[in-house]
Amino acid sequence: MIYSRIVGTGGYLPDRILTNAELATKVDTSDEWIVGRTGIKSRHIAAENESTCDLAEQASLKALEAANVDISEIDLIILGTTTPDRIYPSTACLLQARLGNHGAAAFDVQAVCSGFVYALSTADKFIKTGAAKCALVIGAEVYSRILNWTDRGTCILFGDGAGAVVLKPDSEPGILSTHLHADGAYKDLLTVPGQVANGRINGDGFTKMQGNEVFKFAVNALRNIVDETLQANQLDKDAIDWLVPHQANIRIIAATAKKLKLPMEQVIVTVAEHGNTSAASVPLALDVGVRDGRIQRGDMLLLEAIGGGFTWGSVLVKY
């Protein structure tokens, strides 16, 4: 059997750091209020001249270097993002040109905060079926550009960044299973409702969120997908070495860890410094865990995320 294996990771964060203290000068909030409800202390914000492709390029270069893979070897590029640089072509195609690759299949995936999990699951199928031999999978966002900076219910939560992985086929277990779900009936709980028409945005182009309802749904959905993932692989909870979760809220992360009976010491947590970087949060957290030495080859990882749609999913990885 052919598995897809993660052979390299990379991450990139913009230079500018926006602290809670600075935010408190713009909206009615405080560091204590934000940390107590979300766990977030700061987030990175892209410069005016930085694009999603710029962030994705830096993360991709680091992943390619870590994998010892030349860009010419890549035959599939999938990029998860909510904030593409253009209506079209896809940011994956823009990234492909930037990196100097010619001919690989390249496309974007839009599943908001689940975007990387969806993209990784898709790439896994390409590798397992032999349709691709070397894939570059990215999650990248300049989410700060779809935030209303006077709305304290949303502007405190999000940040910008990018993470990437390189996948290759292997006879040894790598990605063991992926599980994807969506339910559009909840479309209005977390949304940017504006539409592009006649060259303009019709309606509201900023993030709208019903926070309490989103929190409740997220906790239940992620608890359920933990059970689904373990059952599909006939594993007990103690088989998981590391939880690599979407970095939306420390309370949601803690609830998922509790479901797995994992101490927080076995959870990769970046939410305090990164905030919620949407599709970039899982690959950024994975890269942090790999590069600081906590995640080692042979470890069992559970990646999970939930985003607007609602979309949600998981990936079980033998790293």
Protein backbone atom coordinates (compact mmCIF):
# COMPACT_ATOMS: atom_id res chain seq x y z
CA MET A 1 0.00 0.00 0.00
CA ILE A 2 1.15 3.52 -0.81
CA TYR A 3 0.91 6.20 1.88
CA SER A 4 1.58 9.91 1.64
CA ARG A 5 4.22 11.08 4.07
CA ILE A 6 5.04 14.58 5.28
CA VAL A 7 8.72 15.05 4.44
CA GLY A 8 9.09 18.75 5.21
CA THR A 9 7.31 21.61 6.95
CA GLY A 10 7.61 25.38 6.82
CA GLY A 11 5.99 28.43 8.35
CA TYR A 12 6.06 32.19 7.97
CA LEU A 13 4.68 35.06 10.03
CA PRO A 14 4.73 38.76 9.06
CA ASP A 15 7.10 40.99 11.01
CA ARG A 16 4.48 43.26 12.55
CA ILE A 17 3.15 42.07 15.92
CA LEU A 18 -0.13 43.53 17.17
CA THR A 19 -0.49 43.16 20.94
CA ASN A 20 -3.65 43.18 23.00
CA ALA A 21 -2.47 46.39 24.64
CA GLU A 22 -2.33 48.11 21.24
CA LEU A 23 -5.74 46.74 20.31
CA ALA A 24 -7.15 48.17 23.54
CA THR A 25 -6.34 51.64 22.21
CA LYS A 26 -8.55 51.00 19.18
CA VAL A 27 -11.58 49.15 20.61
CA ASP A 28 -13.23 48.71 24.00
CA THR A 29 -11.25 45.74 25.28
CA SER A 30 -8.26 44.81 27.44
CA ASP A 31 -5.45 42.29 27.55
CA GLU A 32 -7.11 40.57 30.52
CA TRP A 33 -10.46 40.32 28.71
CA ILE A 34 -8.93 38.88 25.52
CA VAL A 35 -6.59 36.42 27.23
CA GLY A 36 -9.32 35.21 29.59
CA ARG A 37 -11.75 34.40 26.79
CA THR A 38 -9.45 33.29 23.99
CA GLY A 39 -5.89 32.74 25.23
CA ILE A 40 -4.61 35.20 22.60
CA LYS A 41 -1.91 37.69 23.63
CA SER A 42 -0.74 38.92 20.22
CA ARG A 43 -1.04 38.27 16.50
CA HIS A 44 1.00 39.04 13.37
CA ILE A 45 -0.35 41.45 10.75
CA ALA A 46 0.79 41.58 7.13
CA ALA A 47 2.30 44.81 5.86
CA GLU A 48 0.31 46.79 3.30
CA ASN A 49 2.51 45.50 0.48
CA GLU A 50 2.40 41.84 1.64
CA SER A 51 0.01 39.46 -0.09
CA THR A 52 -1.22 35.96 0.62
CA CYS A 53 1.14 34.74 -2.10
CA ASP A 54 4.07 36.49 -0.41
CA LEU A 55 3.39 34.69 2.87
CA ALA A 56 2.78 31.37 1.11
CA GLU A 57 6.04 31.70 -0.82
CA GLN A 58 8.14 32.08 2.32
CA ALA A 59 6.48 29.13 4.07
CA SER A 60 6.82 27.00 0.93
CA LEU A 61 10.53 27.75 0.53
CA LYS A 62 11.15 26.62 4.10
CA ALA A 63 9.13 23.43 3.59
CA LEU A 64 10.96 22.61 0.34
CA GLU A 65 14.31 23.19 2.03
CA ALA A 66 13.35 20.98 4.98
CA ALA A 67 12.23 18.24 2.58
CA ASN A 68 15.35 18.62 0.39
CA VAL A 69 13.02 18.87 -2.60
CA ASP A 70 13.53 21.10 -5.63
CA ILE A 71 10.49 22.99 -6.86
CA SER A 72 10.81 21.20 -10.23
CA GLU A 73 9.91 17.93 -8.45
CA ILE A 74 6.53 19.26 -7.32
CA ASP A 75 3.66 18.02 -9.49
CA LEU A 76 0.75 19.20 -7.31
CA ILE A 77 0.18 22.48 -5.46
CA ILE A 78 -2.92 22.94 -3.28
CA LEU A 79 -3.39 26.13 -1.28
CA GLY A 80 -6.05 26.63 1.38
CA THR A 81 -7.05 30.26 1.81
CA THR A 82 -9.99 32.54 2.57
CA THR A 83 -8.13 35.60 1.33
CA PRO A 84 -6.92 34.96 -2.24
CA ASP A 85 -4.89 37.65 -3.97
CA ARG A 86 -7.18 37.75 -6.99
CA ILE A 87 -10.63 36.59 -8.01
CA TYR A 88 -8.64 34.49 -10.46
CA PRO A 89 -6.21 32.96 -11.22
CA SER A 90 -5.92 31.00 -8.00
CA THR A 91 -3.31 32.00 -5.44
CA ALA A 92 -1.87 28.50 -5.96
CA CYS A 93 -1.14 29.45 -9.58
CA LEU A 94 0.37 32.77 -8.49
CA LEU A 95 2.55 30.88 -6.02
CA GLN A 96 3.54 28.35 -8.68
CA ALA A 97 4.80 31.16 -10.93
CA ARG A 98 6.63 32.80 -8.02
CA LEU A 99 8.40 29.55 -7.14
CA GLY A 100 9.33 28.81 -10.76
CA ASN A 101 7.33 25.61 -11.22
CA HIS A 102 5.82 24.87 -14.65
CA GLY A 103 3.18 22.23 -15.30
CA ALA A 104 2.12 21.01 -11.86
CA ALA A 105 -1.60 20.97 -11.14
CA ALA A 106 -2.35 23.98 -8.95
CA PHE A 107 -5.58 25.10 -7.30
CA ASP A 108 -7.03 26.73 -4.20
CA VAL A 109 -9.32 25.19 -1.58
CA GLN A 110 -11.82 27.41 0.25
CA ALA A 111 -12.91 25.88 3.54
CA VAL A 112 -11.95 28.84 5.75
CA CYS A 113 -10.20 27.63 8.93
CA SER A 114 -10.45 23.99 7.75
CA GLY A 115 -8.75 24.92 4.47
CA PHE A 116 -5.41 23.26 5.18
CA VAL A 117 -7.02 20.07 6.48
CA TYR A 118 -9.19 19.92 3.34
CA ALA A 119 -6.16 20.62 1.13
CA LEU A 120 -4.01 18.01 2.88
CA SER A 121 -6.78 15.43 2.58
CA THR A 122 -7.08 16.14 -1.14
CA ALA A 123 -3.34 15.91 -1.73
CA ASP A 124 -3.25 12.64 0.23
CA LYS A 125 -5.70 11.10 -2.25
CA PHE A 126 -3.60 12.25 -5.21
CA ILE A 127 -0.48 10.67 -3.71
CA LYS A 128 -2.19 7.42 -2.68
CA THR A 129 -3.68 6.87 -6.13
CA GLY A 130 -0.45 7.65 -7.91
CA ALA A 131 -1.88 10.77 -9.56
CA ALA A 132 0.88 12.86 -7.94
CA LYS A 133 4.40 12.02 -6.79
CA CYS A 134 5.33 15.14 -4.83
CA ALA A 135 2.84 17.64 -3.46
CA LEU A 136 3.16 21.08 -1.90
CA VAL A 137 0.25 21.88 0.43
CA ILE A 138 -0.15 25.33 1.94
CA GLY A 139 -2.46 27.25 4.24
CA ALA A 140 -2.02 31.02 3.91
CA GLU A 141 -4.05 34.04 4.99
CA VAL A 142 -4.03 37.80 5.21
CA TYR A 143 -7.18 37.57 7.31
CA SER A 144 -6.65 41.02 8.80
CA ARG A 145 -8.04 42.48 5.56
CA ILE A 146 -11.51 41.08 6.10
CA LEU A 147 -11.79 42.34 9.69
CA ASN A 148 -13.76 45.32 10.92
CA TRP A 149 -11.26 46.86 13.33
CA THR A 150 -14.07 48.50 15.31
CA ASP A 151 -15.76 45.15 16.02
CA ARG A 152 -14.15 43.77 19.17
CA GLY A 153 -15.99 40.47 18.78
CA THR A 154 -13.90 39.58 15.72
CA CYS A 155 -10.86 41.86 15.36
CA ILE A 156 -9.25 40.51 18.54
CA LEU A 157 -9.25 36.95 17.24
CA PHE A 158 -7.45 36.78 13.93
CA GLY A 159 -3.96 37.18 12.51
CA ASP A 160 -1.99 36.59 9.33
CA GLY A 161 0.49 33.87 8.41
CA ALA A 162 1.27 30.84 6.27
CA GLY A 163 2.30 27.23 6.77
CA ALA A 164 3.26 24.54 4.28
CA VAL A 165 4.15 20.87 3.98
CA VAL A 166 5.68 18.68 1.28
CA LEU A 167 4.20 15.21 0.71
CA LYS A 168 5.83 12.22 -0.97
CA PRO A 169 4.69 8.60 -1.41
CA ASP A 170 6.05 5.99 0.99
CA SER A 171 5.45 2.31 1.67
CA GLU A 172 5.55 3.05 5.40
CA PRO A 173 2.49 4.60 7.11
CA GLY A 174 2.28 8.38 6.93
CA ILE A 175 -1.19 9.88 6.64
CA LEU A 176 -3.40 7.10 7.98
CA SER A 177 -6.83 8.65 7.42
CA THR A 178 -8.62 11.91 6.75
CA HIS A 179 -12.16 12.89 7.69
CA LEU A 180 -14.00 15.87 6.20
CA HIS A 181 -17.44 17.29 6.93
CA ALA A 182 -19.52 20.39 6.26
CA ASP A 183 -22.99 21.70 7.06
CA GLY A 184 -24.10 24.79 5.20
CA ALA A 185 -27.19 25.11 7.38
CA TYR A 186 -24.93 27.07 9.77
CA LYS A 187 -23.75 29.48 7.08
CA ASP A 188 -24.77 32.64 8.95
CA LEU A 189 -22.99 31.89 12.25
CA LEU A 190 -19.54 32.68 10.83
CA THR A 191 -19.45 34.45 7.50
CA VAL A 192 -18.30 37.28 5.28
CA PRO A 193 -21.65 37.94 3.59
CA GLY A 194 -20.52 40.31 0.83
CA GLN A 195 -20.67 39.30 -2.84
CA VAL A 196 -18.53 40.41 -5.76
CA ALA A 197 -20.61 41.83 -8.61
CA ASN A 198 -20.05 44.49 -11.26
CA GLY A 199 -16.49 44.96 -10.06
CA ARG A 200 -17.42 45.75 -6.46
CA ILE A 201 -18.31 44.10 -3.18
CA ASN A 202 -22.06 44.15 -2.71
CA GLY A 203 -22.96 44.04 0.98
CA ASP A 204 -20.60 43.61 3.90
CA GLY A 205 -17.05 42.46 3.22
CA PHE A 206 -16.10 41.97 6.87
CA THR A 207 -16.22 38.89 9.11
CA LYS A 208 -19.45 38.38 11.05
CA MET A 209 -19.56 35.88 13.90
CA GLN A 210 -22.07 34.72 16.48
CA GLY A 211 -19.42 33.77 19.00
CA ASN A 212 -21.36 31.70 21.53
CA GLU A 213 -23.06 29.58 18.88
CA VAL A 214 -19.77 29.03 17.04
CA PHE A 215 -18.07 27.94 20.26
CA LYS A 216 -20.79 25.40 21.09
CA PHE A 217 -20.81 23.89 17.62
CA ALA A 218 -17.02 23.73 17.44
CA VAL A 219 -16.63 21.88 20.73
CA ASN A 220 -19.24 19.26 19.78
CA ALA A 221 -18.01 18.80 16.20
CA LEU A 222 -14.40 18.35 17.24
CA ARG A 223 -15.31 15.93 20.01
CA ASN A 224 -17.22 13.84 17.47
CA ILE A 225 -14.43 13.86 14.91
CA VAL A 226 -11.98 12.62 17.54
CA ASP A 227 -14.20 9.57 18.04
CA GLU A 228 -14.65 9.11 14.30
CA THR A 229 -10.91 9.24 13.63
CA LEU A 230 -9.98 6.82 16.40
CA GLN A 231 -12.73 4.37 15.48
CA ALA A 232 -11.77 4.41 11.80
CA ASN A 233 -8.24 3.39 12.74
CA GLN A 234 -9.22 1.06 15.61
CA LEU A 235 -7.09 3.06 18.03
CA ASP A 236 -7.47 4.02 21.67
CA LYS A 237 -7.02 7.59 22.83
CA ASP A 238 -3.63 6.84 24.32
CA ALA A 239 -2.29 6.14 20.81
CA ILE A 240 -2.15 9.88 20.12
CA ASP A 241 1.20 11.48 20.93
CA TRP A 242 0.38 15.02 19.84
CA LEU A 243 -2.75 17.01 19.16
CA VAL A 244 -2.11 19.69 16.52
CA PRO A 245 -5.33 21.70 16.57
CA HIS A 246 -6.72 24.71 14.78
CA GLN A 247 -5.71 27.68 16.91
CA ALA A 248 -9.05 29.46 17.34
CA ASN A 249 -9.56 29.60 21.07
CA ILE A 250 -7.68 28.04 23.99
CA ARG A 251 -10.93 26.82 25.53
CA ILE A 252 -11.86 24.88 22.37
CA ILE A 253 -8.36 23.41 22.22
CA ALA A 254 -8.54 22.39 25.90
CA ALA A 255 -11.93 20.75 25.36
CA THR A 256 -10.55 18.61 22.51
CA ALA A 257 -7.51 17.66 24.57
CA LYS A 258 -9.79 16.64 27.43
CA LYS A 259 -11.77 14.43 25.05
CA LEU A 260 -8.52 12.69 24.11
CA LYS A 261 -7.42 12.59 27.78
CA LEU A 262 -4.24 14.35 26.68
CA PRO A 263 -2.44 16.72 29.03
CA MET A 264 -1.89 20.17 27.51
CA GLU A 265 1.81 19.33 27.45
CA GLN A 266 0.98 17.04 24.49
CA VAL A 267 -0.86 19.74 22.57
CA ILE A 268 0.88 22.14 20.18
CA VAL A 269 -0.49 25.54 21.19
CA THR A 270 0.41 28.70 19.27
CA VAL A 271 -2.80 30.67 19.74
CA ALA A 272 -1.25 33.03 22.31
CA GLU A 273 1.33 34.36 19.84
CA HIS A 274 -0.41 33.75 16.49
CA GLY A 275 -4.10 34.27 17.16
CA ASN A 276 -6.41 32.54 14.71
CA THR A 277 -4.65 32.47 11.34
CA SER A 278 -7.53 30.54 9.73
CA ALA A 279 -6.23 28.04 7.12
CA ALA A 280 -2.64 28.76 8.18
CA SER A 281 -3.05 27.83 11.84
CA VAL A 282 -2.68 24.03 11.65
CA PRO A 283 0.41 23.98 9.38
CA LEU A 284 1.99 26.80 11.40
CA ALA A 285 1.46 24.85 14.63
CA LEU A 286 2.78 21.68 13.01
CA ASP A 287 5.91 23.48 11.84
CA VAL A 288 6.49 24.94 15.31
CA GLY A 289 6.22 21.49 16.90
CA VAL A 290 8.57 19.91 14.36
CA ARG A 291 11.20 22.65 14.47
CA ASP A 292 11.37 22.92 18.25
CA GLY A 293 11.89 19.16 18.48
CA ARG A 294 8.74 18.15 20.30
CA ILE A 295 7.33 16.25 17.32
CA GLN A 296 9.61 13.36 16.37
CA ARG A 297 9.54 10.82 13.56
CA GLY A 298 7.21 7.97 14.47
CA ASP A 299 4.91 10.12 16.61
CA MET A 300 1.15 9.82 16.08
CA LEU A 301 -0.41 13.22 15.36
CA LEU A 302 -4.05 14.26 15.24
CA LEU A 303 -4.61 17.40 13.17
CA GLU A 304 -8.07 18.95 13.38
CA ALA A 305 -9.86 22.15 12.43
CA ILE A 306 -13.26 23.79 12.11
CA GLY A 307 -14.20 26.81 10.05
CA GLY A 308 -17.01 28.83 8.57
CA GLY A 309 -19.45 26.85 6.50
CA PHE A 310 -19.45 25.11 8.87
CA THR A 311 -16.58 22.93 7.66
CA TRP A 312 -14.57 20.62 9.88
CA GLY A 313 -12.11 17.81 9.52
CA SER A 314 -9.20 15.79 10.86
CA VAL A 315 -6.04 14.10 9.62
CA LEU A 316 -4.34 11.25 11.49
CA VAL A 317 -0.62 11.22 10.76
CA LYS A 318 2.19 8.84 11.65
CA TYR A 319 4.92 11.43 11.43
